[in-house]
C-alpha cells in the first residue's frame, strides 16, 4: 500500500504538474495570439498612416506646383506690365516731341492761326469729352456725368487741331502696347498651364 500511496502521490503530482504545464501553454498561446492581434492592428494602423502620409505629400506637391506656377505667372505679368509702362512713357515722350516739331513747322503759316468752323470745333471737343468720360467712368449710365451739351465752347485753330494728331497717335500706340501685353500674358499663362498638366 505504501507503493500505491506513493504512486498515487506521484500520479497526483504529475497530474498537477501536467495541469500547470497545460495552463502555462494555454496562457502562452493566448499571449501569443494577443501579441499577433496587436501586431496586426499596429501594421494596419501603420499602413493607414503611410497611405495618409502619401496622400498628404501628393497634395502638398500639387499645392507647391500650383503656387510656383502662380508665382511665375505673377512675375511674368509684372515684367510685362513694366515693359508696357516703359513703352507708354516712351510713346508719350515721342508724341510730345512730334507735336512740338509739328507746332514749329506750322506756326509760321497763317493758316495755322485760322479758327476751325465753330460747329466742327464743338463737335470735335464734344467727342473728346465723351471719350474722356467713358475712359474715366466706364458706366455710361452714371447720373453725375457732366453734361457736355452745356459745356462752354472753345475755339480751335487749324494748327491746334493738327497738333492733336501726334498726341492721339501716341495714345493709340499706348493702347496697342497695353492690348499686346494682355495678349502676351494670356498666351504665356495658357502655355504654362498646358505644360503644368
N, C-alpha and C. Protein backbone atom coordinates (compact mmCIF):
# COMPACT_ATOMS: atom_id res chain seq x y z
N UNK A 1 0.76 -1.17 0.00
CA UNK A 1 0.00 0.00 0.00
C UNK A 1 0.83 1.28 0.00
N UNK A 2 1.94 1.10 0.57
CA UNK A 2 2.83 2.24 0.57
C UNK A 2 3.20 2.57 -0.87
N UNK A 3 3.38 1.49 -1.62
CA UNK A 3 3.72 1.70 -3.01
C UNK A 3 2.56 2.36 -3.74
N UNK A 4 1.33 1.99 -3.47
CA UNK A 4 0.15 2.57 -4.09
C UNK A 4 -0.02 4.01 -3.69
N UNK A 5 0.31 4.31 -2.44
CA UNK A 5 0.16 5.68 -1.98
C UNK A 5 1.20 6.55 -2.65
N UNK A 6 2.40 6.02 -2.81
CA UNK A 6 3.46 6.77 -3.45
C UNK A 6 3.11 6.96 -4.92
N UNK A 7 2.60 5.90 -5.54
CA UNK A 7 2.20 6.01 -6.94
C UNK A 7 1.10 7.04 -7.11
N UNK A 8 0.18 6.98 -6.17
CA UNK A 8 -0.91 7.94 -6.25
C UNK A 8 -0.37 9.36 -6.07
N UNK A 9 0.54 9.53 -5.14
CA UNK A 9 1.09 10.85 -4.90
C UNK A 9 1.87 11.32 -6.13
N UNK A 10 2.60 10.39 -6.74
CA UNK A 10 3.36 10.73 -7.94
C UNK A 10 2.39 11.06 -9.06
N UNK A 11 1.35 10.24 -9.19
CA UNK A 11 0.36 10.49 -10.24
C UNK A 11 -0.34 11.83 -10.00
N UNK A 12 -0.70 12.10 -8.77
CA UNK A 12 -1.36 13.37 -8.47
C UNK A 12 -0.39 14.51 -8.74
N UNK A 13 0.87 14.33 -8.31
CA UNK A 13 1.88 15.37 -8.55
C UNK A 13 2.10 15.58 -10.04
N UNK A 14 2.16 14.45 -10.78
CA UNK A 14 2.34 14.54 -12.23
C UNK A 14 1.12 15.21 -12.87
N UNK A 15 -0.07 14.88 -12.34
CA UNK A 15 -1.29 15.50 -12.87
C UNK A 15 -1.31 17.00 -12.60
N UNK A 16 -0.88 17.37 -11.40
CA UNK A 16 -0.84 18.80 -11.05
C UNK A 16 0.19 19.50 -11.93
N UNK A 17 1.35 18.87 -12.09
CA UNK A 17 2.39 19.46 -12.93
C UNK A 17 1.91 19.53 -14.38
N UNK A 18 1.25 18.45 -14.83
CA UNK A 18 0.72 18.44 -16.20
C UNK A 18 -0.33 19.53 -16.40
N UNK A 19 -1.21 19.67 -15.40
CA UNK A 19 -2.24 20.71 -15.48
C UNK A 19 -1.60 22.09 -15.47
N UNK A 20 -0.57 22.24 -14.64
CA UNK A 20 0.12 23.54 -14.59
C UNK A 20 0.80 23.82 -15.92
N UNK A 21 1.43 22.77 -16.50
CA UNK A 21 2.07 22.94 -17.81
C UNK A 21 1.04 23.28 -18.88
N UNK A 22 -0.09 22.59 -18.84
CA UNK A 22 -1.16 22.91 -19.80
C UNK A 22 -1.64 24.35 -19.61
N UNK A 23 -1.76 24.78 -18.37
CA UNK A 23 -2.18 26.16 -18.09
C UNK A 23 -1.16 27.15 -18.63
N UNK A 24 0.14 26.84 -18.41
CA UNK A 24 1.20 27.72 -18.89
C UNK A 24 1.18 27.76 -20.42
N UNK A 25 1.02 26.58 -21.04
CA UNK A 25 0.98 26.52 -22.52
C UNK A 25 -0.23 27.29 -23.05
N UNK A 26 -1.38 27.12 -22.42
CA UNK A 26 -2.60 27.83 -22.85
C UNK A 26 -2.42 29.34 -22.67
N UNK A 27 -1.86 29.72 -21.52
CA UNK A 27 -1.64 31.14 -21.27
C UNK A 27 -0.66 31.71 -22.29
N UNK A 28 0.41 30.96 -22.60
CA UNK A 28 1.40 31.38 -23.58
C UNK A 28 0.75 31.51 -24.96
N UNK A 29 -0.11 30.57 -25.33
CA UNK A 29 -0.80 30.62 -26.62
C UNK A 29 -1.71 31.85 -26.68
N UNK A 30 -2.39 32.11 -25.57
CA UNK A 30 -3.28 33.29 -25.51
C UNK A 30 -2.45 34.57 -25.66
N UNK A 31 -1.32 34.66 -24.96
CA UNK A 31 -0.45 35.84 -25.04
C UNK A 31 0.07 36.02 -26.47
N UNK A 32 0.50 34.90 -27.09
CA UNK A 32 0.98 34.98 -28.48
C UNK A 32 -0.12 35.45 -29.41
N UNK A 33 -1.32 34.97 -29.19
CA UNK A 33 -2.47 35.39 -30.01
C UNK A 33 -2.73 36.88 -29.83
N UNK A 34 -2.68 37.35 -28.59
CA UNK A 34 -2.90 38.77 -28.31
C UNK A 34 -1.80 39.61 -28.96
N UNK A 35 -0.55 39.14 -28.86
CA UNK A 35 0.55 39.88 -29.46
C UNK A 35 0.40 39.94 -30.98
N UNK A 36 -0.02 38.81 -31.59
CA UNK A 36 -0.25 38.81 -33.04
C UNK A 36 -1.36 39.78 -33.41
N UNK A 37 -2.43 39.78 -32.62
CA UNK A 37 -3.53 40.72 -32.89
C UNK A 37 -3.06 42.16 -32.76
N UNK A 38 -2.25 42.43 -31.72
CA UNK A 38 -1.71 43.78 -31.54
C UNK A 38 -0.80 44.16 -32.70
N UNK A 39 0.04 43.22 -33.13
CA UNK A 39 0.95 43.48 -34.26
C UNK A 39 0.14 43.72 -35.53
N UNK A 40 -0.90 42.92 -35.76
CA UNK A 40 -1.75 43.11 -36.94
C UNK A 40 -2.44 44.47 -36.89
N UNK A 41 -2.94 44.85 -35.70
CA UNK A 41 -3.60 46.15 -35.56
C UNK A 41 -2.60 47.28 -35.81
N UNK A 42 -1.39 47.13 -35.28
CA UNK A 42 -0.37 48.16 -35.49
C UNK A 42 0.03 48.23 -36.96
N UNK A 43 0.18 47.09 -37.60
CA UNK A 43 0.51 47.07 -39.03
C UNK A 43 -0.58 47.73 -39.85
N UNK A 44 -1.84 47.46 -39.49
CA UNK A 44 -2.96 48.09 -40.19
C UNK A 44 -2.91 49.60 -39.99
N UNK A 45 -2.67 50.03 -38.75
CA UNK A 45 -2.57 51.46 -38.46
C UNK A 45 -1.40 52.08 -39.20
N UNK A 46 -0.26 51.40 -39.21
CA UNK A 46 0.92 51.91 -39.92
C UNK A 46 0.62 52.01 -41.41
N UNK A 47 -0.04 51.01 -41.97
CA UNK A 47 -0.41 51.04 -43.39
C UNK A 47 -1.33 52.21 -43.69
N UNK A 48 -2.32 52.42 -42.82
CA UNK A 48 -3.25 53.54 -43.00
C UNK A 48 -2.51 54.87 -42.90
N UNK A 49 -1.64 54.99 -41.91
CA UNK A 49 -0.87 56.23 -41.74
C UNK A 49 0.07 56.46 -42.92
N UNK A 50 0.69 55.40 -43.43
CA UNK A 50 1.55 55.54 -44.61
C UNK A 50 0.75 56.01 -45.82
N UNK A 51 -0.44 55.47 -46.00
CA UNK A 51 -1.30 55.88 -47.12
C UNK A 51 -1.72 57.35 -46.97
N UNK A 52 -2.10 57.73 -45.74
CA UNK A 52 -2.46 59.12 -45.49
C UNK A 52 -1.26 60.03 -45.72
N UNK A 53 -0.10 59.60 -45.29
CA UNK A 53 1.12 60.38 -45.48
C UNK A 53 1.41 60.55 -46.98
N UNK A 54 1.27 59.48 -47.75
CA UNK A 54 1.49 59.53 -49.19
C UNK A 54 0.49 60.50 -49.84
N UNK A 55 -0.78 60.41 -49.43
CA UNK A 55 -1.81 61.31 -49.97
C UNK A 55 -1.50 62.76 -49.63
N UNK A 56 -1.13 63.02 -48.39
CA UNK A 56 -0.80 64.39 -47.97
C UNK A 56 0.42 64.92 -48.71
N UNK A 57 1.41 64.08 -48.95
CA UNK A 57 2.58 64.52 -49.71
C UNK A 57 2.21 64.87 -51.15
N UNK A 58 1.34 64.06 -51.74
CA UNK A 58 0.89 64.35 -53.11
C UNK A 58 0.14 65.68 -53.14
N UNK A 59 -0.74 65.89 -52.16
CA UNK A 59 -1.48 67.16 -52.09
C UNK A 59 -0.52 68.33 -51.90
N UNK A 60 0.47 68.15 -51.03
CA UNK A 60 1.46 69.20 -50.80
C UNK A 60 2.24 69.50 -52.08
N UNK A 61 2.65 68.45 -52.79
CA UNK A 61 3.40 68.64 -54.03
C UNK A 61 2.57 69.36 -55.08
N UNK A 62 1.28 68.99 -55.18
CA UNK A 62 0.41 69.69 -56.14
C UNK A 62 0.23 71.15 -55.74
N UNK A 63 0.05 71.41 -54.45
CA UNK A 63 -0.11 72.79 -53.98
C UNK A 63 1.17 73.59 -54.24
N UNK A 64 2.33 72.99 -54.01
CA UNK A 64 3.59 73.69 -54.27
C UNK A 64 3.76 73.98 -55.76
N UNK A 65 3.38 73.02 -56.59
CA UNK A 65 3.48 73.24 -58.04
C UNK A 65 2.54 74.36 -58.47
N UNK A 66 1.33 74.37 -57.91
CA UNK A 66 0.37 75.43 -58.24
C UNK A 66 0.89 76.79 -57.80
N UNK A 67 1.43 76.85 -56.59
CA UNK A 67 1.96 78.13 -56.09
C UNK A 67 3.17 78.58 -56.91
N UNK A 68 4.00 77.66 -57.31
CA UNK A 68 5.16 78.02 -58.14
C UNK A 68 4.70 78.56 -59.49
N UNK A 69 3.68 77.92 -60.07
CA UNK A 69 3.14 78.39 -61.34
C UNK A 69 2.53 79.78 -61.19
N UNK A 70 1.78 79.99 -60.10
CA UNK A 70 1.18 81.30 -59.87
C UNK A 70 2.25 82.36 -59.66
N UNK A 71 3.30 82.03 -58.91
CA UNK A 71 4.39 82.99 -58.69
C UNK A 71 5.06 83.33 -60.02
N UNK A 72 5.26 82.32 -60.86
CA UNK A 72 5.85 82.56 -62.17
C UNK A 72 4.95 83.46 -63.01
N UNK A 73 3.64 83.19 -62.98
CA UNK A 73 2.70 84.00 -63.75
C UNK A 73 2.65 85.44 -63.24
N UNK A 74 2.66 85.62 -61.91
CA UNK A 74 2.67 86.97 -61.35
C UNK A 74 3.94 87.70 -61.75
N UNK A 75 5.06 87.01 -61.66
CA UNK A 75 6.34 87.61 -62.03
C UNK A 75 6.33 88.01 -63.50
N UNK A 76 5.85 87.10 -64.34
CA UNK A 76 5.78 87.40 -65.77
C UNK A 76 4.85 88.59 -66.03
N UNK A 77 3.69 88.62 -65.37
CA UNK A 77 2.75 89.74 -65.55
C UNK A 77 3.39 91.05 -65.09
N UNK A 78 4.13 91.02 -64.00
CA UNK A 78 4.80 92.23 -63.52
C UNK A 78 5.86 92.70 -64.51
N UNK A 79 6.61 91.76 -65.08
CA UNK A 79 7.62 92.13 -66.08
C UNK A 79 6.96 92.75 -67.30
N UNK A 80 5.89 92.13 -67.76
CA UNK A 80 5.19 92.65 -68.95
C UNK A 80 4.59 94.01 -68.64
N UNK A 81 4.03 94.18 -67.45
CA UNK A 81 3.46 95.48 -67.07
C UNK A 81 4.53 96.55 -67.04
N UNK A 82 5.70 96.21 -66.54
CA UNK A 82 6.79 97.18 -66.50
C UNK A 82 7.24 97.54 -67.92
N UNK A 83 7.34 96.54 -68.79
CA UNK A 83 7.70 96.82 -70.19
C UNK A 83 6.65 97.72 -70.83
N UNK A 84 5.39 97.44 -70.56
CA UNK A 84 4.30 98.23 -71.13
C UNK A 84 4.34 99.65 -70.61
N UNK A 85 4.64 99.82 -69.33
CA UNK A 85 4.74 101.17 -68.76
C UNK A 85 5.85 101.95 -69.46
N UNK A 86 6.98 101.29 -69.70
CA UNK A 86 8.08 101.97 -70.40
C UNK A 86 7.68 102.34 -71.83
N UNK A 87 6.98 101.43 -72.51
CA UNK A 87 6.53 101.72 -73.88
C UNK A 87 5.59 102.92 -73.88
N UNK A 88 4.65 102.94 -72.91
CA UNK A 88 3.71 104.07 -72.81
C UNK A 88 4.46 105.38 -72.57
N UNK A 89 5.43 105.32 -71.67
CA UNK A 89 6.20 106.52 -71.36
C UNK A 89 6.97 107.00 -72.59
N UNK A 90 7.61 106.06 -73.29
CA UNK A 90 8.37 106.42 -74.48
C UNK A 90 7.46 106.95 -75.59
N UNK A 91 6.29 106.33 -75.76
CA UNK A 91 5.38 106.81 -76.81
C UNK A 91 4.86 108.20 -76.46
N UNK A 92 4.63 108.48 -75.17
CA UNK A 92 4.20 109.82 -74.76
C UNK A 92 5.28 110.86 -75.04
N UNK A 93 6.52 110.51 -74.73
CA UNK A 93 7.64 111.43 -74.99
C UNK A 93 7.79 111.65 -76.49
N UNK A 94 7.72 110.57 -77.25
CA UNK A 94 7.86 110.67 -78.71
C UNK A 94 6.73 111.49 -79.30
N UNK A 95 5.49 111.27 -78.83
CA UNK A 95 4.34 112.02 -79.35
C UNK A 95 4.48 113.51 -79.03
N UNK A 96 4.94 113.83 -77.84
CA UNK A 96 5.12 115.24 -77.47
C UNK A 96 6.20 115.89 -78.33
N UNK A 97 7.27 115.15 -78.62
CA UNK A 97 8.33 115.69 -79.47
C UNK A 97 7.81 115.93 -80.89
N UNK A 98 7.03 114.98 -81.41
CA UNK A 98 6.45 115.15 -82.75
C UNK A 98 5.50 116.34 -82.75
N UNK A 99 4.70 116.50 -81.67
CA UNK A 99 3.78 117.64 -81.59
C UNK A 99 4.55 118.95 -81.62
N UNK A 100 5.66 119.01 -80.88
CA UNK A 100 6.48 120.24 -80.89
C UNK A 100 7.04 120.51 -82.28
N UNK A 101 7.50 119.44 -82.93
CA UNK A 101 8.03 119.61 -84.29
C UNK A 101 6.94 120.11 -85.24
N UNK A 102 5.73 119.54 -85.12
CA UNK A 102 4.61 119.98 -85.96
C UNK A 102 4.29 121.43 -85.66
N UNK A 103 4.25 121.78 -84.38
CA UNK A 103 3.94 123.16 -83.99
C UNK A 103 4.97 124.12 -84.58
N UNK A 104 6.24 123.73 -84.47
CA UNK A 104 7.30 124.58 -85.03
C UNK A 104 7.14 124.70 -86.54
N UNK A 105 6.79 123.60 -87.18
CA UNK A 105 6.66 123.61 -88.64
C UNK A 105 5.47 124.39 -89.15
N UNK A 106 4.35 124.35 -88.43
CA UNK A 106 3.14 125.00 -88.96
C UNK A 106 2.87 126.37 -88.35
N UNK A 107 3.56 126.73 -87.28
CA UNK A 107 3.25 128.01 -86.63
C UNK A 107 3.61 129.21 -87.50
N UNK A 108 4.51 129.05 -88.41
CA UNK A 108 4.87 130.16 -89.29
C UNK A 108 3.82 130.40 -90.37
N UNK A 109 2.96 129.43 -90.62
CA UNK A 109 1.94 129.58 -91.66
C UNK A 109 0.71 130.26 -91.08
N UNK A 110 0.15 131.16 -91.84
CA UNK A 110 -1.03 131.90 -91.36
C UNK A 110 -2.24 130.99 -91.23
N UNK A 111 -2.32 129.94 -92.02
CA UNK A 111 -3.49 129.06 -91.94
C UNK A 111 -3.56 128.36 -90.58
N UNK A 112 -2.42 128.20 -89.91
CA UNK A 112 -2.44 127.51 -88.61
C UNK A 112 -3.12 128.35 -87.54
N UNK A 113 -3.22 129.68 -87.78
CA UNK A 113 -3.87 130.55 -86.80
C UNK A 113 -5.34 130.79 -87.11
N UNK A 114 -5.80 130.29 -88.23
CA UNK A 114 -7.22 130.46 -88.57
C UNK A 114 -8.05 129.52 -87.71
N UNK A 115 -9.23 130.01 -87.34
CA UNK A 115 -10.11 129.21 -86.49
C UNK A 115 -10.85 128.16 -87.31
N UNK A 116 -11.05 127.01 -86.69
CA UNK A 116 -11.91 125.99 -87.28
C UNK A 116 -13.33 126.52 -87.25
N UNK A 117 -14.18 126.07 -88.16
CA UNK A 117 -15.59 126.45 -88.05
C UNK A 117 -16.12 126.03 -86.68
N UNK A 118 -16.96 126.86 -86.08
CA UNK A 118 -17.44 126.64 -84.71
C UNK A 118 -18.11 125.28 -84.55
N UNK A 119 -18.93 124.87 -85.51
CA UNK A 119 -19.63 123.59 -85.41
C UNK A 119 -18.63 122.43 -85.39
N UNK A 120 -17.61 122.52 -86.23
CA UNK A 120 -16.60 121.45 -86.27
C UNK A 120 -15.78 121.42 -84.98
N UNK A 121 -15.42 122.57 -84.47
CA UNK A 121 -14.66 122.63 -83.22
C UNK A 121 -15.49 122.09 -82.07
N UNK A 122 -16.77 122.48 -82.02
CA UNK A 122 -17.65 121.98 -80.95
C UNK A 122 -17.82 120.46 -81.03
N UNK A 123 -18.01 119.95 -82.25
CA UNK A 123 -18.19 118.51 -82.42
C UNK A 123 -16.92 117.76 -82.00
N UNK A 124 -15.77 118.27 -82.38
CA UNK A 124 -14.50 117.65 -82.01
C UNK A 124 -14.30 117.67 -80.49
N UNK A 125 -14.55 118.81 -79.86
CA UNK A 125 -14.39 118.91 -78.41
C UNK A 125 -15.41 118.03 -77.68
N UNK A 126 -16.63 117.97 -78.19
CA UNK A 126 -17.66 117.12 -77.58
C UNK A 126 -17.24 115.64 -77.67
N UNK A 127 -16.71 115.25 -78.81
CA UNK A 127 -16.26 113.87 -78.99
C UNK A 127 -15.11 113.54 -78.03
N UNK A 128 -14.17 114.45 -77.88
CA UNK A 128 -13.04 114.24 -76.96
C UNK A 128 -13.55 114.13 -75.53
N UNK A 129 -14.51 114.98 -75.15
CA UNK A 129 -15.07 114.94 -73.80
C UNK A 129 -15.77 113.61 -73.54
N UNK A 130 -16.52 113.12 -74.52
CA UNK A 130 -17.20 111.82 -74.37
C UNK A 130 -16.18 110.69 -74.20
N UNK A 131 -15.14 110.71 -75.00
CA UNK A 131 -14.10 109.68 -74.88
C UNK A 131 -13.45 109.73 -73.51
N UNK A 132 -13.16 110.93 -73.04
CA UNK A 132 -12.53 111.08 -71.72
C UNK A 132 -13.47 110.58 -70.63
N UNK A 133 -14.75 110.94 -70.71
CA UNK A 133 -15.73 110.49 -69.71
C UNK A 133 -15.85 108.97 -69.70
N UNK A 134 -15.90 108.38 -70.89
CA UNK A 134 -16.01 106.92 -70.97
C UNK A 134 -14.76 106.24 -70.41
N UNK A 135 -13.61 106.84 -70.64
CA UNK A 135 -12.37 106.25 -70.13
C UNK A 135 -12.31 106.36 -68.60
N UNK A 136 -12.78 107.47 -68.07
CA UNK A 136 -12.72 107.66 -66.62
C UNK A 136 -13.88 106.98 -65.91
N UNK A 137 -15.03 106.89 -66.56
CA UNK A 137 -16.24 106.31 -65.96
C UNK A 137 -16.84 105.33 -66.95
N UNK A 138 -16.43 104.06 -66.91
CA UNK A 138 -16.93 103.09 -67.88
C UNK A 138 -18.45 102.91 -67.83
N UNK A 139 -19.08 103.21 -66.70
CA UNK A 139 -20.53 103.08 -66.61
C UNK A 139 -21.14 104.31 -67.27
N UNK A 140 -21.60 104.16 -68.50
CA UNK A 140 -22.12 105.30 -69.26
C UNK A 140 -23.46 105.79 -68.76
N UNK A 141 -24.08 105.05 -67.85
CA UNK A 141 -25.38 105.46 -67.33
C UNK A 141 -25.25 106.24 -66.03
N UNK A 142 -24.06 106.69 -65.70
CA UNK A 142 -23.86 107.43 -64.45
C UNK A 142 -24.74 108.68 -64.44
N UNK A 143 -25.34 108.93 -63.28
CA UNK A 143 -26.22 110.09 -63.14
C UNK A 143 -25.41 111.37 -63.02
N UNK A 144 -24.27 111.32 -62.34
CA UNK A 144 -23.50 112.53 -62.09
C UNK A 144 -22.50 112.84 -63.20
N UNK A 145 -22.72 112.29 -64.36
CA UNK A 145 -21.85 112.53 -65.51
C UNK A 145 -21.99 113.98 -65.96
N UNK A 146 -20.88 114.62 -66.32
CA UNK A 146 -21.00 116.02 -66.75
C UNK A 146 -21.84 116.14 -68.01
N UNK A 147 -22.60 117.20 -68.06
CA UNK A 147 -23.45 117.44 -69.22
C UNK A 147 -22.63 118.17 -70.27
N UNK A 148 -22.19 117.42 -71.29
CA UNK A 148 -21.33 118.02 -72.31
C UNK A 148 -22.11 118.90 -73.26
N UNK A 149 -23.42 118.81 -73.24
CA UNK A 149 -24.22 119.64 -74.14
C UNK A 149 -24.15 121.11 -73.72
N UNK A 150 -23.96 121.36 -72.42
CA UNK A 150 -23.92 122.75 -71.97
C UNK A 150 -22.49 123.19 -71.65
N UNK A 151 -21.51 122.38 -72.05
CA UNK A 151 -20.11 122.76 -71.81
C UNK A 151 -19.80 123.99 -72.64
N UNK A 152 -19.01 124.90 -72.08
CA UNK A 152 -18.69 126.12 -72.84
C UNK A 152 -17.90 125.76 -74.09
N UNK A 153 -18.19 126.47 -75.15
CA UNK A 153 -17.49 126.19 -76.40
C UNK A 153 -16.10 126.80 -76.34
N UNK A 154 -15.19 126.17 -77.03
CA UNK A 154 -13.83 126.66 -77.11
C UNK A 154 -13.46 126.65 -78.57
N UNK A 155 -12.87 127.68 -79.00
CA UNK A 155 -12.50 127.76 -80.41
C UNK A 155 -11.11 127.17 -80.60
N UNK A 156 -10.99 126.39 -81.67
CA UNK A 156 -9.71 125.77 -82.01
C UNK A 156 -9.21 126.34 -83.32
N UNK A 157 -7.89 126.45 -83.39
CA UNK A 157 -7.30 126.84 -84.67
C UNK A 157 -6.94 125.57 -85.43
N UNK A 158 -6.68 125.75 -86.71
CA UNK A 158 -6.27 124.61 -87.52
C UNK A 158 -4.95 124.04 -86.99
N UNK A 159 -4.09 124.89 -86.54
CA UNK A 159 -2.80 124.44 -86.00
C UNK A 159 -2.98 123.58 -84.76
N UNK A 160 -3.90 124.00 -83.86
CA UNK A 160 -4.15 123.20 -82.65
C UNK A 160 -4.73 121.83 -83.01
N UNK A 161 -5.63 121.81 -83.98
CA UNK A 161 -6.23 120.54 -84.39
C UNK A 161 -5.17 119.60 -84.95
N UNK A 162 -4.26 120.15 -85.76
CA UNK A 162 -3.21 119.32 -86.34
C UNK A 162 -2.24 118.85 -85.25
N UNK A 163 -2.00 119.69 -84.24
CA UNK A 163 -1.09 119.31 -83.16
C UNK A 163 -1.65 118.16 -82.32
N UNK A 164 -2.94 117.97 -82.32
CA UNK A 164 -3.54 116.87 -81.57
C UNK A 164 -3.20 115.51 -82.19
N UNK A 165 -2.98 115.49 -83.48
CA UNK A 165 -2.78 114.21 -84.18
C UNK A 165 -1.63 113.39 -83.58
N UNK A 166 -0.43 113.95 -83.38
CA UNK A 166 0.64 113.13 -82.79
C UNK A 166 0.28 112.62 -81.38
N UNK A 167 -0.41 113.45 -80.60
CA UNK A 167 -0.80 113.02 -79.25
C UNK A 167 -1.79 111.87 -79.32
N UNK A 168 -2.75 111.97 -80.25
CA UNK A 168 -3.72 110.88 -80.41
C UNK A 168 -3.03 109.61 -80.89
N UNK A 169 -2.09 109.76 -81.82
CA UNK A 169 -1.36 108.58 -82.29
C UNK A 169 -0.51 107.97 -81.17
N UNK A 170 0.04 108.81 -80.30
CA UNK A 170 0.78 108.30 -79.14
C UNK A 170 -0.13 107.52 -78.20
N UNK A 171 -1.36 108.04 -78.00
CA UNK A 171 -2.32 107.32 -77.16
C UNK A 171 -2.71 105.98 -77.79
N UNK A 172 -2.88 105.98 -79.11
CA UNK A 172 -3.21 104.73 -79.80
C UNK A 172 -2.06 103.73 -79.64
N UNK A 173 -0.82 104.22 -79.76
CA UNK A 173 0.34 103.35 -79.58
C UNK A 173 0.36 102.77 -78.17
N UNK A 174 0.04 103.59 -77.17
CA UNK A 174 -0.01 103.11 -75.78
C UNK A 174 -1.09 102.05 -75.61
N UNK A 175 -2.26 102.30 -76.18
CA UNK A 175 -3.36 101.32 -76.08
C UNK A 175 -2.97 100.01 -76.77
N UNK A 176 -2.33 100.12 -77.92
CA UNK A 176 -1.89 98.90 -78.61
C UNK A 176 -0.87 98.13 -77.77
N UNK A 177 0.02 98.86 -77.10
CA UNK A 177 1.01 98.19 -76.24
C UNK A 177 0.31 97.49 -75.08
N UNK A 178 -0.71 98.16 -74.50
CA UNK A 178 -1.47 97.54 -73.40
C UNK A 178 -2.17 96.27 -73.88
N UNK A 179 -2.81 96.35 -75.04
CA UNK A 179 -3.51 95.18 -75.57
C UNK A 179 -2.54 94.05 -75.90
N UNK A 180 -1.39 94.39 -76.47
CA UNK A 180 -0.39 93.37 -76.78
C UNK A 180 0.12 92.71 -75.49
N UNK A 181 0.29 93.51 -74.44
CA UNK A 181 0.74 92.95 -73.16
C UNK A 181 -0.29 92.00 -72.59
N UNK A 182 -1.56 92.36 -72.67
CA UNK A 182 -2.61 91.47 -72.17
C UNK A 182 -2.65 90.17 -72.96
N UNK A 183 -2.52 90.27 -74.28
CA UNK A 183 -2.50 89.05 -75.10
C UNK A 183 -1.29 88.18 -74.74
N UNK A 184 -0.15 88.82 -74.52
CA UNK A 184 1.06 88.07 -74.17
C UNK A 184 0.90 87.37 -72.82
N UNK A 185 0.31 88.07 -71.85
CA UNK A 185 0.08 87.47 -70.53
C UNK A 185 -0.84 86.26 -70.67
N UNK A 186 -1.94 86.42 -71.41
CA UNK A 186 -2.88 85.31 -71.60
C UNK A 186 -2.21 84.13 -72.31
N UNK A 187 -1.41 84.42 -73.33
CA UNK A 187 -0.73 83.36 -74.08
C UNK A 187 0.28 82.63 -73.19
N UNK A 188 1.08 83.39 -72.45
CA UNK A 188 2.06 82.77 -71.55
C UNK A 188 1.37 81.94 -70.48
N UNK A 189 0.28 82.46 -69.95
CA UNK A 189 -0.46 81.74 -68.91
C UNK A 189 -1.02 80.43 -69.47
N UNK A 190 -1.57 80.48 -70.67
CA UNK A 190 -2.12 79.26 -71.29
C UNK A 190 -1.01 78.24 -71.55
N UNK A 191 0.15 78.71 -72.04
CA UNK A 191 1.27 77.80 -72.28
C UNK A 191 1.78 77.17 -70.99
N UNK A 192 1.91 77.97 -69.94
CA UNK A 192 2.41 77.44 -68.67
C UNK A 192 1.41 76.48 -68.04
N UNK A 193 0.12 76.78 -68.16
CA UNK A 193 -0.90 75.89 -67.61
C UNK A 193 -0.91 74.57 -68.38
N UNK A 194 -0.75 74.63 -69.70
CA UNK A 194 -0.73 73.41 -70.51
C UNK A 194 0.50 72.56 -70.17
N UNK A 195 1.63 73.22 -69.93
CA UNK A 195 2.84 72.48 -69.57
C UNK A 195 2.74 71.86 -68.18
N UNK A 196 2.00 72.52 -67.28
CA UNK A 196 1.86 72.01 -65.92
C UNK A 196 1.02 70.74 -65.89
N UNK A 197 0.10 70.62 -66.82
CA UNK A 197 -0.77 69.43 -66.85
C UNK A 197 -0.17 68.45 -67.78
